């Protein structure tokens, strides 16, 4: 109860293979384009591995967060809601933006993330 999960896919859209190793960087953004508090916690139970990603292949990182407000978030129910998620692939500086229509991310934007792997 009070937990949400989502698989974040990263697809190689180029014509050559690339490699991915590690965790994504994340930033929640509200509908006005303002950054929301985001605290990314890396889940270390699964060790990252170097993945070769062929053209058209997708690798996945599992995201996990709470929808139960912390005591100081109860008055606003963790609002404003995030509308998008900025994603920075490992060892990159360019961010990608994806829609994030899944409701609140409570506990001050704390998101647990697993490293990229073959399954989500």
N, C-alpha and C. Protein backbone atom coordinates (compact mmCIF):
# COMPACT_ATOMS: atom_id res chain seq x y z
N UNK A 1 0.83 -1.20 0.00
CA UNK A 1 0.00 0.00 0.00
C UNK A 1 0.86 1.25 0.00
N UNK A 2 0.46 2.22 -0.78
CA UNK A 2 1.14 3.48 -0.78
C UNK A 2 2.43 3.51 -1.58
N UNK A 3 2.71 2.46 -2.35
CA UNK A 3 3.94 2.37 -3.13
C UNK A 3 3.58 2.30 -4.62
N UNK A 4 4.40 2.91 -5.44
CA UNK A 4 4.21 2.84 -6.88
C UNK A 4 5.52 2.42 -7.53
N UNK A 5 5.39 1.73 -8.67
CA UNK A 5 6.54 1.27 -9.43
C UNK A 5 6.33 1.64 -10.90
N UNK A 6 7.42 1.91 -11.60
CA UNK A 6 7.37 2.14 -13.04
C UNK A 6 8.69 1.70 -13.64
N UNK A 7 8.61 1.13 -14.83
CA UNK A 7 9.81 0.75 -15.57
C UNK A 7 10.15 1.89 -16.53
N UNK A 8 11.39 2.35 -16.46
CA UNK A 8 11.88 3.42 -17.32
C UNK A 8 12.74 2.80 -18.40
N UNK A 9 12.30 2.93 -19.65
CA UNK A 9 13.02 2.35 -20.78
C UNK A 9 13.90 3.37 -21.48
N UNK A 10 15.07 2.91 -21.90
CA UNK A 10 16.01 3.73 -22.67
C UNK A 10 16.32 2.95 -23.94
N UNK A 11 15.89 3.49 -25.08
CA UNK A 11 16.00 2.80 -26.36
C UNK A 11 17.09 3.41 -27.22
N UNK A 12 17.91 2.54 -27.83
CA UNK A 12 18.94 2.99 -28.74
C UNK A 12 18.28 3.31 -30.08
N UNK A 13 18.22 4.58 -30.44
CA UNK A 13 17.58 5.02 -31.69
C UNK A 13 18.61 5.28 -32.78
N UNK A 14 19.87 4.94 -32.52
CA UNK A 14 20.92 5.16 -33.51
C UNK A 14 21.10 3.92 -34.38
N UNK A 15 22.01 4.00 -35.34
CA UNK A 15 22.27 2.86 -36.21
C UNK A 15 23.46 2.03 -35.76
N UNK A 16 24.05 2.38 -34.62
CA UNK A 16 25.19 1.62 -34.09
C UNK A 16 24.93 1.24 -32.64
N UNK A 17 25.59 0.18 -32.21
CA UNK A 17 25.46 -0.27 -30.82
C UNK A 17 26.12 0.75 -29.89
N UNK A 18 25.62 0.81 -28.66
CA UNK A 18 26.21 1.67 -27.64
C UNK A 18 26.26 0.86 -26.35
N UNK A 19 26.85 1.42 -25.32
CA UNK A 19 26.88 0.75 -24.02
C UNK A 19 26.25 1.64 -22.96
N UNK A 20 25.66 0.98 -21.97
CA UNK A 20 25.06 1.66 -20.82
C UNK A 20 25.55 0.95 -19.57
N UNK A 21 25.93 1.73 -18.58
CA UNK A 21 26.37 1.15 -17.31
C UNK A 21 25.90 2.06 -16.18
N UNK A 22 25.05 1.55 -15.32
CA UNK A 22 24.70 2.30 -14.12
C UNK A 22 23.25 2.73 -14.03
N UNK A 23 23.07 3.87 -13.37
CA UNK A 23 21.76 4.37 -12.97
C UNK A 23 21.42 5.66 -13.73
N UNK A 24 20.12 5.91 -13.94
CA UNK A 24 19.75 7.19 -14.54
C UNK A 24 19.76 8.30 -13.50
N UNK A 25 20.01 9.51 -13.96
CA UNK A 25 19.75 10.69 -13.14
C UNK A 25 18.31 11.11 -13.40
N UNK A 26 17.63 11.61 -12.38
CA UNK A 26 16.22 11.94 -12.50
C UNK A 26 15.91 13.31 -11.89
N UNK A 27 14.95 14.02 -12.48
CA UNK A 27 14.45 15.27 -11.92
C UNK A 27 12.97 15.38 -12.23
N UNK A 28 12.13 15.46 -11.20
CA UNK A 28 10.70 15.67 -11.39
C UNK A 28 10.45 17.13 -11.77
N UNK A 29 9.47 17.36 -12.67
CA UNK A 29 9.14 18.70 -13.13
C UNK A 29 7.63 18.85 -13.12
N UNK A 30 7.13 19.99 -12.62
CA UNK A 30 5.67 20.20 -12.59
C UNK A 30 5.18 20.74 -13.93
N UNK A 31 3.86 20.95 -14.04
CA UNK A 31 3.25 21.37 -15.30
C UNK A 31 3.72 22.75 -15.75
N UNK A 32 4.21 23.57 -14.84
CA UNK A 32 4.72 24.90 -15.19
C UNK A 32 6.18 24.87 -15.65
N UNK A 33 6.79 23.69 -15.59
CA UNK A 33 8.18 23.56 -15.98
C UNK A 33 9.17 23.78 -14.85
N UNK A 34 8.66 23.89 -13.63
CA UNK A 34 9.53 24.10 -12.47
C UNK A 34 9.99 22.77 -11.89
N UNK A 35 11.25 22.71 -11.52
CA UNK A 35 11.78 21.50 -10.89
C UNK A 35 11.09 21.27 -9.55
N UNK A 36 10.74 20.03 -9.30
CA UNK A 36 10.15 19.61 -8.02
C UNK A 36 11.25 18.94 -7.19
N UNK A 37 11.10 18.94 -5.87
CA UNK A 37 12.09 18.21 -5.08
C UNK A 37 12.21 16.77 -5.57
N UNK A 38 13.44 16.33 -5.78
CA UNK A 38 13.71 14.98 -6.26
C UNK A 38 14.93 14.45 -5.53
N UNK A 39 14.76 13.33 -4.86
CA UNK A 39 15.87 12.70 -4.14
C UNK A 39 16.00 11.27 -4.67
N UNK A 40 17.02 11.03 -5.49
CA UNK A 40 17.21 9.71 -6.09
C UNK A 40 18.07 8.86 -5.17
N UNK A 41 17.54 7.70 -4.83
CA UNK A 41 18.26 6.73 -3.99
C UNK A 41 18.56 5.50 -4.84
N UNK A 42 19.81 5.17 -5.00
CA UNK A 42 20.19 3.99 -5.79
C UNK A 42 20.00 2.72 -4.97
N UNK A 43 19.25 1.78 -5.54
CA UNK A 43 19.10 0.48 -4.90
C UNK A 43 20.32 -0.36 -5.24
N UNK A 44 21.03 -0.79 -4.24
CA UNK A 44 22.30 -1.48 -4.45
C UNK A 44 22.18 -3.00 -4.41
N UNK A 45 20.96 -3.53 -4.22
CA UNK A 45 20.78 -4.98 -4.16
C UNK A 45 21.13 -5.63 -5.50
N UNK A 46 20.91 -4.89 -6.58
CA UNK A 46 21.27 -5.36 -7.92
C UNK A 46 22.47 -4.55 -8.38
N UNK A 47 23.57 -5.23 -8.67
CA UNK A 47 24.78 -4.53 -9.11
C UNK A 47 24.63 -4.11 -10.57
N UNK A 48 25.11 -2.92 -10.92
CA UNK A 48 25.07 -2.53 -12.33
C UNK A 48 26.02 -3.38 -13.16
N UNK A 49 25.70 -3.53 -14.42
CA UNK A 49 26.55 -4.26 -15.34
C UNK A 49 26.64 -3.51 -16.66
N UNK A 50 27.70 -3.70 -17.38
CA UNK A 50 27.87 -3.06 -18.68
C UNK A 50 26.96 -3.75 -19.69
N UNK A 51 26.10 -2.97 -20.31
CA UNK A 51 25.13 -3.52 -21.27
C UNK A 51 25.44 -2.99 -22.66
N UNK A 52 25.55 -3.88 -23.63
CA UNK A 52 25.65 -3.48 -25.02
C UNK A 52 24.22 -3.37 -25.53
N UNK A 53 23.89 -2.21 -26.07
CA UNK A 53 22.53 -1.95 -26.54
C UNK A 53 22.58 -1.78 -28.06
N UNK A 54 22.05 -2.76 -28.77
CA UNK A 54 22.04 -2.73 -30.22
C UNK A 54 20.97 -1.76 -30.71
N UNK A 55 21.06 -1.31 -31.96
CA UNK A 55 20.04 -0.42 -32.50
C UNK A 55 18.63 -1.01 -32.31
N UNK A 56 17.75 -0.21 -31.78
CA UNK A 56 16.37 -0.65 -31.54
C UNK A 56 16.15 -1.33 -30.21
N UNK A 57 17.19 -1.74 -29.52
CA UNK A 57 17.03 -2.40 -28.22
C UNK A 57 16.74 -1.38 -27.12
N UNK A 58 16.08 -1.87 -26.07
CA UNK A 58 15.73 -1.04 -24.92
C UNK A 58 16.30 -1.69 -23.66
N UNK A 59 16.85 -0.87 -22.78
CA UNK A 59 17.26 -1.31 -21.45
C UNK A 59 16.34 -0.61 -20.45
N UNK A 60 16.24 -1.19 -19.25
CA UNK A 60 15.22 -0.77 -18.30
C UNK A 60 15.81 -0.49 -16.91
N UNK A 61 15.26 0.53 -16.26
CA UNK A 61 15.57 0.81 -14.85
C UNK A 61 14.23 0.86 -14.11
N UNK A 62 14.12 0.14 -13.01
CA UNK A 62 12.89 0.12 -12.23
C UNK A 62 12.90 1.27 -11.23
N UNK A 63 11.82 2.06 -11.23
CA UNK A 63 11.65 3.17 -10.29
C UNK A 63 10.62 2.78 -9.25
N UNK A 64 10.79 3.26 -8.02
CA UNK A 64 9.91 2.92 -6.91
C UNK A 64 9.78 4.14 -6.01
N UNK A 65 8.55 4.54 -5.65
CA UNK A 65 8.34 5.71 -4.81
C UNK A 65 7.08 5.55 -3.97
N UNK A 66 6.94 6.44 -2.99
CA UNK A 66 5.79 6.42 -2.07
C UNK A 66 4.77 7.48 -2.46
N UNK A 67 3.50 7.18 -2.20
CA UNK A 67 2.43 8.15 -2.41
C UNK A 67 1.77 8.54 -1.09
N UNK A 68 2.37 8.15 0.02
CA UNK A 68 1.90 8.54 1.35
C UNK A 68 2.71 9.76 1.76
N UNK A 69 2.04 10.90 2.02
CA UNK A 69 2.76 12.12 2.36
C UNK A 69 3.54 12.02 3.68
N UNK A 70 4.69 12.68 3.73
CA UNK A 70 5.40 12.88 4.99
C UNK A 70 4.57 13.86 5.82
N UNK A 71 4.84 13.95 7.11
CA UNK A 71 4.05 14.81 8.00
C UNK A 71 3.97 16.25 7.49
N UNK A 72 5.06 16.78 6.97
CA UNK A 72 5.04 18.17 6.49
C UNK A 72 4.54 18.30 5.05
N UNK A 73 4.10 17.21 4.44
CA UNK A 73 3.51 17.25 3.10
C UNK A 73 2.00 17.03 3.13
N UNK A 74 1.45 16.68 4.29
CA UNK A 74 0.04 16.31 4.37
C UNK A 74 -0.90 17.43 3.95
N UNK A 75 -0.58 18.68 4.28
CA UNK A 75 -1.47 19.80 3.98
C UNK A 75 -1.68 19.98 2.48
N UNK A 76 -0.67 19.69 1.67
CA UNK A 76 -0.81 19.89 0.22
C UNK A 76 -0.81 18.59 -0.57
N UNK A 77 -0.84 17.46 0.14
CA UNK A 77 -0.88 16.13 -0.50
C UNK A 77 0.21 15.98 -1.56
N UNK A 78 1.41 16.45 -1.23
CA UNK A 78 2.60 16.30 -2.09
C UNK A 78 2.49 17.11 -3.39
N UNK A 79 1.59 18.11 -3.44
CA UNK A 79 1.40 18.92 -4.64
C UNK A 79 2.50 19.98 -4.73
N UNK A 80 2.74 20.54 -5.91
CA UNK A 80 2.11 20.20 -7.18
C UNK A 80 2.61 18.87 -7.74
N UNK A 81 1.74 18.24 -8.49
CA UNK A 81 2.08 16.94 -9.06
C UNK A 81 3.13 17.09 -10.16
N UNK A 82 4.02 16.12 -10.28
CA UNK A 82 4.95 16.15 -11.41
C UNK A 82 4.19 15.87 -12.71
N UNK A 83 4.58 16.54 -13.77
CA UNK A 83 3.99 16.33 -15.09
C UNK A 83 4.97 15.60 -16.01
N UNK A 84 6.26 15.86 -15.80
CA UNK A 84 7.28 15.21 -16.61
C UNK A 84 8.44 14.78 -15.71
N UNK A 85 9.27 13.94 -16.29
CA UNK A 85 10.47 13.47 -15.61
C UNK A 85 11.64 13.69 -16.55
N UNK A 86 12.64 14.42 -16.05
CA UNK A 86 13.88 14.58 -16.82
C UNK A 86 14.77 13.39 -16.48
N UNK A 87 15.31 12.78 -17.52
CA UNK A 87 16.14 11.57 -17.37
C UNK A 87 17.51 11.86 -17.98
N UNK A 88 18.54 11.62 -17.21
CA UNK A 88 19.91 11.76 -17.71
C UNK A 88 20.52 10.36 -17.71
N UNK A 89 20.77 9.81 -18.91
CA UNK A 89 21.39 8.48 -18.97
C UNK A 89 22.77 8.48 -18.29
N UNK A 90 23.23 7.32 -17.83
CA UNK A 90 24.54 7.25 -17.19
C UNK A 90 25.65 7.81 -18.08
N UNK A 91 26.57 8.55 -17.47
CA UNK A 91 27.74 9.12 -18.16
C UNK A 91 27.37 10.08 -19.28
N UNK A 92 26.20 10.67 -19.22
CA UNK A 92 25.77 11.65 -20.21
C UNK A 92 25.45 12.97 -19.52
N UNK A 93 25.38 14.04 -20.30
CA UNK A 93 24.99 15.33 -19.76
C UNK A 93 23.69 15.84 -20.39
N UNK A 94 23.29 15.22 -21.48
CA UNK A 94 22.05 15.61 -22.15
C UNK A 94 20.87 14.92 -21.48
N UNK A 95 19.85 15.68 -21.18
CA UNK A 95 18.67 15.10 -20.53
C UNK A 95 17.58 14.82 -21.55
N UNK A 96 16.81 13.80 -21.26
CA UNK A 96 15.63 13.44 -22.02
C UNK A 96 14.43 13.76 -21.15
N UNK A 97 13.31 14.08 -21.75
CA UNK A 97 12.11 14.39 -20.98
C UNK A 97 11.00 13.43 -21.38
N UNK A 98 10.36 12.82 -20.37
CA UNK A 98 9.24 11.91 -20.61
C UNK A 98 8.05 12.36 -19.77
N UNK A 99 6.87 12.08 -20.27
CA UNK A 99 5.65 12.37 -19.49
C UNK A 99 5.67 11.52 -18.22
N UNK A 100 5.09 12.06 -17.14
CA UNK A 100 5.04 11.35 -15.86
C UNK A 100 3.65 11.53 -15.26
N UNK A 101 2.62 10.94 -15.88
CA UNK A 101 1.24 11.15 -15.47
C UNK A 101 0.76 10.14 -14.41
N UNK A 102 1.58 9.89 -13.39
CA UNK A 102 1.26 8.81 -12.46
C UNK A 102 0.91 9.30 -11.05
N UNK A 103 0.69 10.60 -10.89
CA UNK A 103 0.29 11.11 -9.59
C UNK A 103 1.46 11.59 -8.75
N UNK A 104 1.22 11.69 -7.44
CA UNK A 104 2.24 12.29 -6.56
C UNK A 104 3.45 11.39 -6.33
N UNK A 105 4.55 12.05 -6.03
CA UNK A 105 5.76 11.39 -5.53
C UNK A 105 6.03 12.05 -4.19
N UNK A 106 5.66 11.35 -3.12
CA UNK A 106 5.74 11.92 -1.78
C UNK A 106 7.10 11.64 -1.14
N UNK A 107 7.17 11.94 0.16
CA UNK A 107 8.43 11.80 0.91
C UNK A 107 9.51 12.69 0.31
N UNK A 108 9.08 13.92 -0.08
CA UNK A 108 10.00 14.94 -0.60
C UNK A 108 10.66 14.52 -1.91
N UNK A 109 9.89 13.80 -2.75
CA UNK A 109 10.39 13.42 -4.07
C UNK A 109 11.37 12.28 -4.07
N UNK A 110 11.35 11.45 -3.03
CA UNK A 110 12.28 10.34 -2.95
C UNK A 110 11.88 9.23 -3.93
N UNK A 111 12.82 8.90 -4.82
CA UNK A 111 12.60 7.83 -5.80
C UNK A 111 13.76 6.85 -5.68
N UNK A 112 13.43 5.59 -5.49
CA UNK A 112 14.44 4.53 -5.49
C UNK A 112 14.58 4.01 -6.91
N UNK A 113 15.80 3.78 -7.34
CA UNK A 113 16.04 3.35 -8.72
C UNK A 113 17.04 2.21 -8.77
N UNK A 114 16.75 1.23 -9.61
CA UNK A 114 17.67 0.13 -9.86
C UNK A 114 18.52 0.49 -11.08
N UNK A 115 19.68 -0.13 -11.22
CA UNK A 115 20.49 0.16 -12.40
C UNK A 115 19.82 -0.37 -13.66
N UNK A 116 20.21 0.18 -14.79
CA UNK A 116 19.68 -0.30 -16.06
C UNK A 116 20.02 -1.78 -16.24
N UNK A 117 19.04 -2.52 -16.77
CA UNK A 117 19.20 -3.95 -17.02
C UNK A 117 18.37 -4.34 -18.23
N UNK A 118 18.33 -5.62 -18.49
CA UNK A 118 17.59 -6.13 -19.66
C UNK A 118 16.08 -6.18 -19.45
N UNK A 119 15.64 -6.23 -18.19
CA UNK A 119 14.21 -6.28 -17.89
C UNK A 119 13.83 -5.15 -16.95
N UNK A 120 12.56 -4.79 -16.93
CA UNK A 120 12.09 -3.69 -16.10
C UNK A 120 11.44 -4.08 -14.84
